[in-house]
């Protein structure tokens, strides 16, 4: 069964969510997992998809769009919505 996770982001640093999706994080603390040199580990697999945007330039596009429309100027406003779909690896074998 797939799990859908919604993240309503109030952080004005849009790149944080992209880094969360690309790099491994501790599931209890949410902190990035680092090697002995302080570098982050990439996730084994990840898929980024954007609707009307490029996921790798998402942060820049959000800032430009908000500035153009005079939106999200206050700290407490939701800046973006992200949805993460996680599939159980067993789903692939159960449907065969």
PDB file of N, CA and C in Angstrom:
ATOM      1  N   UNK A   1       0.839  -1.168   0.000  1.00  0.00           N
ATOM      2  CA  UNK A   1       0.000   0.000   0.000  1.00  0.00           C
ATOM      3  C   UNK A   1       0.889   1.236   0.000  1.00  0.00           C
ATOM      4  N   UNK A   2       0.570   2.195  -0.805  1.00  0.00           N
ATOM      5  CA  UNK A   2       1.335   3.435  -0.878  1.00  0.00           C
ATOM      6  C   UNK A   2       0.976   4.341   0.294  1.00  0.00           C
ATOM      7  N   UNK A   3       1.952   5.100   0.720  1.00  0.00           N
ATOM      8  CA  UNK A   3       1.758   6.075   1.788  1.00  0.00           C
ATOM      9  C   UNK A   3       1.948   7.454   1.172  1.00  0.00           C
ATOM     10  N   UNK A   4       0.999   8.346   1.401  1.00  0.00           N
ATOM     11  CA  UNK A   4       1.071   9.705   0.897  1.00  0.00           C
ATOM     12  C   UNK A   4       1.372  10.630   2.066  1.00  0.00           C
ATOM     13  N   UNK A   5       2.430  11.403   1.933  1.00  0.00           N
ATOM     14  CA  UNK A   5       2.816  12.351   2.982  1.00  0.00           C
ATOM     15  C   UNK A   5       2.706  13.755   2.415  1.00  0.00           C
ATOM     16  N   UNK A   6       2.015  14.625   3.135  1.00  0.00           N
ATOM     17  CA  UNK A   6       1.845  16.018   2.724  1.00  0.00           C
ATOM     18  C   UNK A   6       2.722  16.886   3.617  1.00  0.00           C
ATOM     19  N   UNK A   7       3.447  17.808   2.983  1.00  0.00           N
ATOM     20  CA  UNK A   7       4.263  18.763   3.731  1.00  0.00           C
ATOM     21  C   UNK A   7       3.820  20.163   3.321  1.00  0.00           C
ATOM     22  N   UNK A   8       3.284  20.912   4.282  1.00  0.00           N
ATOM     23  CA  UNK A   8       2.960  22.319   4.055  1.00  0.00           C
ATOM     24  C   UNK A   8       4.165  23.110   4.554  1.00  0.00           C
ATOM     25  N   UNK A   9       4.856  23.740   3.645  1.00  0.00           N
ATOM     26  CA  UNK A   9       6.125  24.376   3.949  1.00  0.00           C
ATOM     27  C   UNK A   9       5.942  25.863   4.209  1.00  0.00           C
ATOM     28  N   UNK A  10       6.314  26.310   5.420  1.00  0.00           N
ATOM     29  CA  UNK A  10       6.297  27.736   5.741  1.00  0.00           C
ATOM     30  C   UNK A  10       7.696  28.333   5.666  1.00  0.00           C
ATOM     31  N   UNK A  11       8.672  27.512   5.405  1.00  0.00           N
ATOM     32  CA  UNK A  11      10.050  27.958   5.327  1.00  0.00           C
ATOM     33  C   UNK A  11      10.267  28.717   4.024  1.00  0.00           C
ATOM     34  N   UNK A  12      10.821  29.903   4.103  1.00  0.00           N
ATOM     35  CA  UNK A  12      11.081  30.698   2.907  1.00  0.00           C
ATOM     36  C   UNK A  12      12.269  30.165   2.122  1.00  0.00           C
ATOM     37  N   UNK A  13      13.014  29.245   2.691  1.00  0.00           N
ATOM     38  CA  UNK A  13      14.136  28.629   1.974  1.00  0.00           C
ATOM     39  C   UNK A  13      13.606  27.391   1.269  1.00  0.00           C
ATOM     40  N   UNK A  14      13.140  27.565   0.061  1.00  0.00           N
ATOM     41  CA  UNK A  14      12.498  26.498  -0.685  1.00  0.00           C
ATOM     42  C   UNK A  14      13.431  25.335  -0.983  1.00  0.00           C
ATOM     43  N   UNK A  15      14.719  25.583  -1.007  1.00  0.00           N
ATOM     44  CA  UNK A  15      15.680  24.538  -1.298  1.00  0.00           C
ATOM     45  C   UNK A  15      15.752  23.469  -0.220  1.00  0.00           C
ATOM     46  N   UNK A  16      15.290  23.781   0.994  1.00  0.00           N
ATOM     47  CA  UNK A  16      15.337  22.804   2.084  1.00  0.00           C
ATOM     48  C   UNK A  16      14.535  21.553   1.762  1.00  0.00           C
ATOM     49  N   UNK A  17      13.382  21.717   1.168  1.00  0.00           N
ATOM     50  CA  UNK A  17      12.540  20.559   0.871  1.00  0.00           C
ATOM     51  C   UNK A  17      13.175  19.706  -0.221  1.00  0.00           C
ATOM     52  N   UNK A  18      13.829  20.340  -1.177  1.00  0.00           N
ATOM     53  CA  UNK A  18      14.518  19.606  -2.233  1.00  0.00           C
ATOM     54  C   UNK A  18      15.658  18.779  -1.623  1.00  0.00           C
ATOM     55  N   UNK A  19      16.412  19.373  -0.709  1.00  0.00           N
ATOM     56  CA  UNK A  19      17.495  18.641  -0.047  1.00  0.00           C
ATOM     57  C   UNK A  19      16.949  17.491   0.791  1.00  0.00           C
ATOM     58  N   UNK A  20      15.773  17.673   1.401  1.00  0.00           N
ATOM     59  CA  UNK A  20      15.167  16.593   2.177  1.00  0.00           C
ATOM     60  C   UNK A  20      14.820  15.412   1.267  1.00  0.00           C
ATOM     61  N   UNK A  21      14.340  15.687   0.100  1.00  0.00           N
ATOM     62  CA  UNK A  21      13.922  14.624  -0.810  1.00  0.00           C
ATOM     63  C   UNK A  21      15.099  13.890  -1.441  1.00  0.00           C
ATOM     64  N   UNK A  22      16.202  14.568  -1.660  1.00  0.00           N
ATOM     65  CA  UNK A  22      17.340  13.984  -2.366  1.00  0.00           C
ATOM     66  C   UNK A  22      18.296  13.250  -1.427  1.00  0.00           C
ATOM     67  N   UNK A  23      18.482  13.774  -0.215  1.00  0.00           N
ATOM     68  CA  UNK A  23      19.467  13.205   0.709  1.00  0.00           C
ATOM     69  C   UNK A  23      18.814  12.395   1.815  1.00  0.00           C
ATOM     70  N   UNK A  24      19.559  11.443   2.366  1.00  0.00           N
ATOM     71  CA  UNK A  24      19.074  10.610   3.470  1.00  0.00           C
ATOM     72  C   UNK A  24      18.996  11.434   4.760  1.00  0.00           C
ATOM     73  N   UNK A  25      17.949  11.168   5.543  1.00  0.00           N
ATOM     74  CA  UNK A  25      17.758  11.842   6.822  1.00  0.00           C
ATOM     75  C   UNK A  25      17.424  10.798   7.890  1.00  0.00           C
ATOM     76  N   UNK A  26      17.805  11.107   9.111  1.00  0.00           N
ATOM     77  CA  UNK A  26      17.461  10.255  10.240  1.00  0.00           C
ATOM     78  C   UNK A  26      15.950  10.307  10.432  1.00  0.00           C
ATOM     79  N   UNK A  27      15.317   9.144  10.512  1.00  0.00           N
ATOM     80  CA  UNK A  27      13.852   9.137  10.571  1.00  0.00           C
ATOM     81  C   UNK A  27      13.309   9.630  11.904  1.00  0.00           C
ATOM     82  N   UNK A  28      14.136   9.700  12.938  1.00  0.00           N
ATOM     83  CA  UNK A  28      13.674  10.169  14.245  1.00  0.00           C
ATOM     84  C   UNK A  28      13.941  11.661  14.455  1.00  0.00           C
ATOM     85  N   UNK A  29      15.090  12.140  14.025  1.00  0.00           N
ATOM     86  CA  UNK A  29      15.438  13.544  14.255  1.00  0.00           C
ATOM     87  C   UNK A  29      15.176  14.431  13.046  1.00  0.00           C
ATOM     88  N   UNK A  30      15.153  13.824  11.848  1.00  0.00           N
ATOM     89  CA  UNK A  30      14.983  14.606  10.632  1.00  0.00           C
ATOM     90  C   UNK A  30      16.272  15.253  10.151  1.00  0.00           C
ATOM     91  N   UNK A  31      17.374  15.031  10.865  1.00  0.00           N
ATOM     92  CA  UNK A  31      18.656  15.605  10.474  1.00  0.00           C
ATOM     93  C   UNK A  31      19.284  14.791   9.345  1.00  0.00           C
ATOM     94  N   UNK A  32      20.044  15.448   8.459  1.00  0.00           N
ATOM     95  CA  UNK A  32      20.700  14.704   7.392  1.00  0.00           C
ATOM     96  C   UNK A  32      21.743  13.745   7.955  1.00  0.00           C
ATOM     97  N   UNK A  33      21.904  12.614   7.294  1.00  0.00           N
ATOM     98  CA  UNK A  33      22.917  11.636   7.673  1.00  0.00           C
ATOM     99  C   UNK A  33      24.199  12.018   6.936  1.00  0.00           C
ATOM    100  N   UNK A  34      25.286  12.160   7.691  1.00  0.00           N
ATOM    101  CA  UNK A  34      26.543  12.626   7.126  1.00  0.00           C
ATOM    102  C   UNK A  34      27.616  11.549   7.204  1.00  0.00           C
ATOM    103  N   UNK A  35      28.548  11.581   6.247  1.00  0.00           N
ATOM    104  CA  UNK A  35      29.693  10.679   6.312  1.00  0.00           C
ATOM    105  C   UNK A  35      30.760  11.294   7.218  1.00  0.00           C
ATOM    106  N   UNK A  36      31.930  10.651   7.313  1.00  0.00           N
ATOM    107  CA  UNK A  36      32.979  11.125   8.218  1.00  0.00           C
ATOM    108  C   UNK A  36      33.556  12.480   7.794  1.00  0.00           C
ATOM    109  N   UNK A  37      33.329  12.887   6.552  1.00  0.00           N
ATOM    110  CA  UNK A  37      33.797  14.192   6.066  1.00  0.00           C
ATOM    111  C   UNK A  37      32.709  15.259   6.088  1.00  0.00           C
ATOM    112  N   UNK A  38      31.534  14.916   6.642  1.00  0.00           N
ATOM    113  CA  UNK A  38      30.441  15.876   6.743  1.00  0.00           C
ATOM    114  C   UNK A  38      29.609  16.019   5.485  1.00  0.00           C
ATOM    115  N   UNK A  39      29.769  15.106   4.527  1.00  0.00           N
ATOM    116  CA  UNK A  39      28.979  15.145   3.304  1.00  0.00           C
ATOM    117  C   UNK A  39      27.713  14.320   3.467  1.00  0.00           C
ATOM    118  N   UNK A  40      26.651  14.779   2.827  1.00  0.00           N
ATOM    119  CA  UNK A  40      25.367  14.096   2.911  1.00  0.00           C
ATOM    120  C   UNK A  40      25.353  12.887   1.981  1.00  0.00           C
ATOM    121  N   UNK A  41      24.581  11.872   2.385  1.00  0.00           N
ATOM    122  CA  UNK A  41      24.387  10.681   1.561  1.00  0.00           C
ATOM    123  C   UNK A  41      23.147  10.872   0.694  1.00  0.00           C
ATOM    124  N   UNK A  42      23.270  10.565  -0.597  1.00  0.00           N
ATOM    125  CA  UNK A  42      22.089  10.564  -1.457  1.00  0.00           C
ATOM    126  C   UNK A  42      21.191   9.398  -1.065  1.00  0.00           C
ATOM    127  N   UNK A  43      19.899   9.575  -1.259  1.00  0.00           N
ATOM    128  CA  UNK A  43      18.981   8.453  -1.072  1.00  0.00           C
ATOM    129  C   UNK A  43      19.284   7.409  -2.141  1.00  0.00           C
ATOM    130  N   UNK A  44      19.013   6.141  -1.837  1.00  0.00           N
ATOM    131  CA  UNK A  44      19.277   5.083  -2.813  1.00  0.00           C
ATOM    132  C   UNK A  44      18.444   5.285  -4.075  1.00  0.00           C
ATOM    133  N   UNK A  45      17.185   5.622  -3.886  1.00  0.00           N
ATOM    134  CA  UNK A  45      16.297   5.895  -5.011  1.00  0.00           C
ATOM    135  C   UNK A  45      15.416   7.075  -4.649  1.00  0.00           C
ATOM    136  N   UNK A  46      15.209   7.910  -5.615  1.00  0.00           N
ATOM    137  CA  UNK A  46      14.232   8.977  -5.445  1.00  0.00           C
ATOM    138  C   UNK A  46      13.756   9.396  -6.829  1.00  0.00           C
ATOM    139  N   UNK A  47      12.544   9.821  -6.887  1.00  0.00           N
ATOM    140  CA  UNK A  47      11.951  10.300  -8.125  1.00  0.00           C
ATOM    141  C   UNK A  47      11.383  11.678  -7.848  1.00  0.00           C
ATOM    142  N   UNK A  48      11.793  12.643  -8.614  1.00  0.00           N
ATOM    143  CA  UNK A  48      11.261  13.992  -8.477  1.00  0.00           C
ATOM    144  C   UNK A  48      10.480  14.311  -9.729  1.00  0.00           C
ATOM    145  N   UNK A  49       9.307  14.800  -9.548  1.00  0.00           N
ATOM    146  CA  UNK A  49       8.454  15.153 -10.673  1.00  0.00           C
ATOM    147  C   UNK A  49       7.799  16.486 -10.355  1.00  0.00           C
ATOM    148  N   UNK A  50       7.720  17.347 -11.320  1.00  0.00           N
ATOM    149  CA  UNK A  50       7.088  18.637 -11.114  1.00  0.00           C
ATOM    150  C   UNK A  50       5.939  18.837 -12.069  1.00  0.00           C
ATOM    151  N   UNK A  51       4.948  19.550 -11.627  1.00  0.00           N
ATOM    152  CA  UNK A  51       3.829  19.929 -12.485  1.00  0.00           C
ATOM    153  C   UNK A  51       3.999  21.410 -12.776  1.00  0.00           C
ATOM    154  N   UNK A  52       4.211  21.735 -14.022  1.00  0.00           N
ATOM    155  CA  UNK A  52       4.459  23.112 -14.467  1.00  0.00           C
ATOM    156  C   UNK A  52       5.720  23.718 -13.862  1.00  0.00           C
ATOM    157  N   UNK A  53       6.682  22.872 -13.469  1.00  0.00           N
ATOM    158  CA  UNK A  53       7.962  23.367 -12.986  1.00  0.00           C
ATOM    159  C   UNK A  53       9.004  22.255 -13.083  1.00  0.00           C
ATOM    160  N   UNK A  54      10.255  22.654 -13.050  1.00  0.00           N
ATOM    161  CA  UNK A  54      11.358  21.702 -13.034  1.00  0.00           C
ATOM    162  C   UNK A  54      11.723  21.462 -11.565  1.00  0.00           C
ATOM    163  N   UNK A  55      11.690  20.222 -11.076  1.00  0.00           N
ATOM    164  CA  UNK A  55      11.953  19.982  -9.662  1.00  0.00           C
ATOM    165  C   UNK A  55      13.333  20.450  -9.203  1.00  0.00           C
ATOM    166  N   UNK A  56      14.296  20.505 -10.107  1.00  0.00           N
ATOM    167  CA  UNK A  56      15.644  20.897  -9.702  1.00  0.00           C
ATOM    168  C   UNK A  56      15.826  22.415  -9.667  1.00  0.00           C
ATOM    169  N   UNK A  57      14.903  23.170 -10.260  1.00  0.00           N
ATOM    170  CA  UNK A  57      14.947  24.630 -10.145  1.00  0.00           C
ATOM    171  C   UNK A  57      13.701  25.149  -9.426  1.00  0.00           C
ATOM    172  N   UNK A  58      13.037  24.252  -8.712  1.00  0.00           N
ATOM    173  CA  UNK A  58      11.801  24.571  -8.005  1.00  0.00           C
ATOM    174  C   UNK A  58      11.963  25.761  -7.071  1.00  0.00           C
ATOM    175  N   UNK A  59      13.046  25.780  -6.298  1.00  0.00           N
ATOM    176  CA  UNK A  59      13.243  26.835  -5.313  1.00  0.00           C
ATOM    177  C   UNK A  59      13.331  28.212  -5.969  1.00  0.00           C
ATOM    178  N   UNK A  60      14.039  28.318  -7.061  1.00  0.00           N
ATOM    179  CA  UNK A  60      14.182  29.589  -7.771  1.00  0.00           C
ATOM    180  C   UNK A  60      12.856  29.999  -8.405  1.00  0.00           C
ATOM    181  N   UNK A  61      12.162  29.026  -8.994  1.00  0.00           N
ATOM    182  CA  UNK A  61      10.875  29.315  -9.629  1.00  0.00           C
ATOM    183  C   UNK A  61       9.845  29.809  -8.608  1.00  0.00           C
ATOM    184  N   UNK A  62       9.841  29.221  -7.415  1.00  0.00           N
ATOM    185  CA  UNK A  62       8.895  29.659  -6.377  1.00  0.00           C
ATOM    186  C   UNK A  62       9.160  31.102  -5.964  1.00  0.00           C
ATOM    187  N   UNK A  63      10.408  31.432  -5.739  1.00  0.00           N
ATOM    188  CA  UNK A  63      10.753  32.800  -5.344  1.00  0.00           C
ATOM    189  C   UNK A  63      10.348  33.799  -6.416  1.00  0.00           C
ATOM    190  N   UNK A  64      10.627  33.468  -7.675  1.00  0.00           N
ATOM    191  CA  UNK A  64      10.277  34.373  -8.769  1.00  0.00           C
ATOM    192  C   UNK A  64       8.765  34.532  -8.911  1.00  0.00           C
ATOM    193  N   UNK A  65       8.039  33.427  -8.804  1.00  0.00           N
ATOM    194  CA  UNK A  65       6.582  33.470  -8.938  1.00  0.00           C
ATOM    195  C   UNK A  65       5.938  34.253  -7.793  1.00  0.00           C
ATOM    196  N   UNK A  66       6.425  34.041  -6.575  1.00  0.00           N
ATOM    197  CA  UNK A  66       5.897  34.786  -5.427  1.00  0.00           C
ATOM    198  C   UNK A  66       6.190  36.273  -5.547  1.00  0.00           C
ATOM    199  N   UNK A  67       7.372  36.621  -5.993  1.00  0.00           N
ATOM    200  CA  UNK A  67       7.711  38.041  -6.170  1.00  0.00           C
ATOM    201  C   UNK A  67       6.832  38.671  -7.252  1.00  0.00           C
ATOM    202  N   UNK A  68       6.635  37.960  -8.344  1.00  0.00           N
ATOM    203  CA  UNK A  68       5.818  38.459  -9.445  1.00  0.00           C
ATOM    204  C   UNK A  68       4.375  38.707  -8.995  1.00  0.00           C
ATOM    205  N   UNK A  69       3.827  37.794  -8.189  1.00  0.00           N
ATOM    206  CA  UNK A  69       2.432  37.896  -7.739  1.00  0.00           C
ATOM    207  C   UNK A  69       2.276  38.579  -6.393  1.00  0.00           C
ATOM    208  N   UNK A  70       3.364  39.065  -5.804  1.00  0.00           N
ATOM    209  CA  UNK A  70       3.340  39.747  -4.503  1.00  0.00           C
ATOM    210  C   UNK A  70       2.701  38.861  -3.428  1.00  0.00           C
ATOM    211  N   UNK A  71       3.128  37.604  -3.386  1.00  0.00           N
ATOM    212  CA  UNK A  71       2.573  36.622  -2.445  1.00  0.00           C
ATOM    213  C   UNK A  71       3.650  36.157  -1.462  1.00  0.00           C
ATOM    214  N   UNK A  72       3.195  35.557  -0.390  1.00  0.00           N
ATOM    215  CA  UNK A  72       4.047  34.903   0.604  1.00  0.00           C
ATOM    216  C   UNK A  72       5.150  35.807   1.133  1.00  0.00           C
ATOM    217  N   UNK A  73       4.753  36.976   1.570  1.00  0.00           N
ATOM    218  CA  UNK A  73       5.715  37.914   2.136  1.00  0.00           C
ATOM    219  C   UNK A  73       5.834  37.766   3.652  1.00  0.00           C
ATOM    220  N   UNK A  74       4.831  37.180   4.287  1.00  0.00           N
ATOM    221  CA  UNK A  74       4.835  37.036   5.744  1.00  0.00           C
ATOM    222  C   UNK A  74       5.374  35.675   6.150  1.00  0.00           C
ATOM    223  N   UNK A  75       6.007  35.631   7.314  1.00  0.00           N
ATOM    224  CA  UNK A  75       6.642  34.407   7.807  1.00  0.00           C
ATOM    225  C   UNK A  75       5.633  33.272   7.990  1.00  0.00           C
ATOM    226  N   UNK A  76       4.437  33.565   8.501  1.00  0.00           N
ATOM    227  CA  UNK A  76       3.487  32.507   8.863  1.00  0.00           C
ATOM    228  C   UNK A  76       2.667  31.973   7.685  1.00  0.00           C
ATOM    229  N   UNK A  77       2.876  32.479   6.489  1.00  0.00           N
ATOM    230  CA  UNK A  77       2.150  31.983   5.324  1.00  0.00           C
ATOM    231  C   UNK A  77       2.766  30.679   4.820  1.00  0.00           C
ATOM    232  N   UNK A  78       1.925  29.796   4.331  1.00  0.00           N
ATOM    233  CA  UNK A  78       2.419  28.560   3.720  1.00  0.00           C
ATOM    234  C   UNK A  78       3.017  28.933   2.369  1.00  0.00           C
ATOM    235  N   UNK A  79       4.276  28.545   2.187  1.00  0.00           N
ATOM    236  CA  UNK A  79       4.994  28.915   0.966  1.00  0.00           C
ATOM    237  C   UNK A  79       4.802  27.897  -0.147  1.00  0.00           C
ATOM    238  N   UNK A  80       4.648  26.636   0.223  1.00  0.00           N
ATOM    239  CA  UNK A  80       4.491  25.605  -0.800  1.00  0.00           C
ATOM    240  C   UNK A  80       3.884  24.361  -0.182  1.00  0.00           C
ATOM    241  N   UNK A  81       3.386  23.491  -1.041  1.00  0.00           N
ATOM    242  CA  UNK A  81       2.862  22.193  -0.636  1.00  0.00           C
ATOM    243  C   UNK A  81       3.651  21.125  -1.378  1.00  0.00           C
ATOM    244  N   UNK A  82       4.061  20.104  -0.651  1.00  0.00           N
ATOM    245  CA  UNK A  82       4.781  18.992  -1.263  1.00  0.00           C
ATOM    246  C   UNK A  82       4.077  17.705  -0.877  1.00  0.00           C
ATOM    247  N   UNK A  83       4.054  16.783  -1.806  1.00  0.00           N
ATOM    248  CA  UNK A  83       3.469  15.479  -1.562  1.00  0.00           C
ATOM    249  C   UNK A  83       4.509  14.424  -1.859  1.00  0.00           C
ATOM    250  N   UNK A  84       4.689  13.515  -0.935  1.00  0.00           N
ATOM    251  CA  UNK A  84       5.633  12.421  -1.104  1.00  0.00           C
ATOM    252  C   UNK A  84       4.833  11.134  -1.126  1.00  0.00           C
ATOM    253  N   UNK A  85       5.008  10.355  -2.164  1.00  0.00           N
ATOM    254  CA  UNK A  85       4.343   9.056  -2.266  1.00  0.00           C
ATOM    255  C   UNK A  85       5.409   7.988  -2.073  1.00  0.00           C
ATOM    256  N   UNK A  86       5.228   7.156  -1.056  1.00  0.00           N
ATOM    257  CA  UNK A  86       6.166   6.067  -0.782  1.00  0.00           C
ATOM    258  C   UNK A  86       5.445   4.754  -1.013  1.00  0.00           C
ATOM    259  N   UNK A  87       6.047   3.919  -1.834  1.00  0.00           N
ATOM    260  CA  UNK A  87       5.451   2.631  -2.140  1.00  0.00           C
ATOM    261  C   UNK A  87       6.151   1.542  -1.347  1.00  0.00           C
ATOM    262  N   UNK A  88       5.393   0.585  -0.873  1.00  0.00           N
ATOM    263  CA  UNK A  88       5.945  -0.577  -0.180  1.00  0.00           C
ATOM    264  C   UNK A  88       6.549  -1.493  -1.238  1.00  0.00           C
ATOM    265  N   UNK A  89       7.816  -1.865  -1.092  1.00  0.00           N
ATOM    266  CA  UNK A  89       8.432  -2.750  -2.086  1.00  0.00           C
ATOM    267  C   UNK A  89       7.690  -4.076  -2.264  1.00  0.00           C
ATOM    268  N   UNK A  90       6.966  -4.537  -1.235  1.00  0.00           N
ATOM    269  CA  UNK A  90       6.206  -5.779  -1.346  1.00  0.00           C
ATOM    270  C   UNK A  90       5.040  -5.674  -2.312  1.00  0.00           C
ATOM    271  N   UNK A  91       4.574  -4.444  -2.584  1.00  0.00           N
ATOM    272  CA  UNK A  91       3.454  -4.272  -3.506  1.00  0.00           C
ATOM    273  C   UNK A  91       3.764  -4.832  -4.879  1.00  0.00           C
ATOM    274  N   UNK A  92       4.999  -4.736  -5.293  1.00  0.00           N
ATOM    275  CA  UNK A  92       5.403  -5.214  -6.609  1.00  0.00           C
ATOM    276  C   UNK A  92       5.259  -6.736  -6.703  1.00  0.00           C
ATOM    277  N   UNK A  93       5.610  -7.479  -5.651  1.00  0.00           N
ATOM    278  CA  UNK A  93       5.529  -8.930  -5.686  1.00  0.00           C
ATOM    279  C   UNK A  93       4.123  -9.441  -5.396  1.00  0.00           C
ATOM    280  N   UNK A  94       3.341  -8.671  -4.661  1.00  0.00           N
ATOM    281  CA  UNK A  94       1.988  -9.108  -4.311  1.00  0.00           C
ATOM    282  C   UNK A  94       1.035  -9.055  -5.500  1.00  0.00           C
ATOM    283  N   UNK A  95       1.339  -8.228  -6.489  1.00  0.00           N
ATOM    284  CA  UNK A  95       0.423  -8.095  -7.637  1.00  0.00           C
ATOM    285  C   UNK A  95       0.755  -9.042  -8.772  1.00  0.00           C
ATOM    286  N   UNK A  96       1.868  -9.783  -8.650  1.00  0.00           N
ATOM    287  CA  UNK A  96       2.241 -10.724  -9.716  1.00  0.00           C
ATOM    288  C   UNK A  96       1.400 -11.974  -9.697  1.00  0.00           C
TER     289      UNK A  96
END
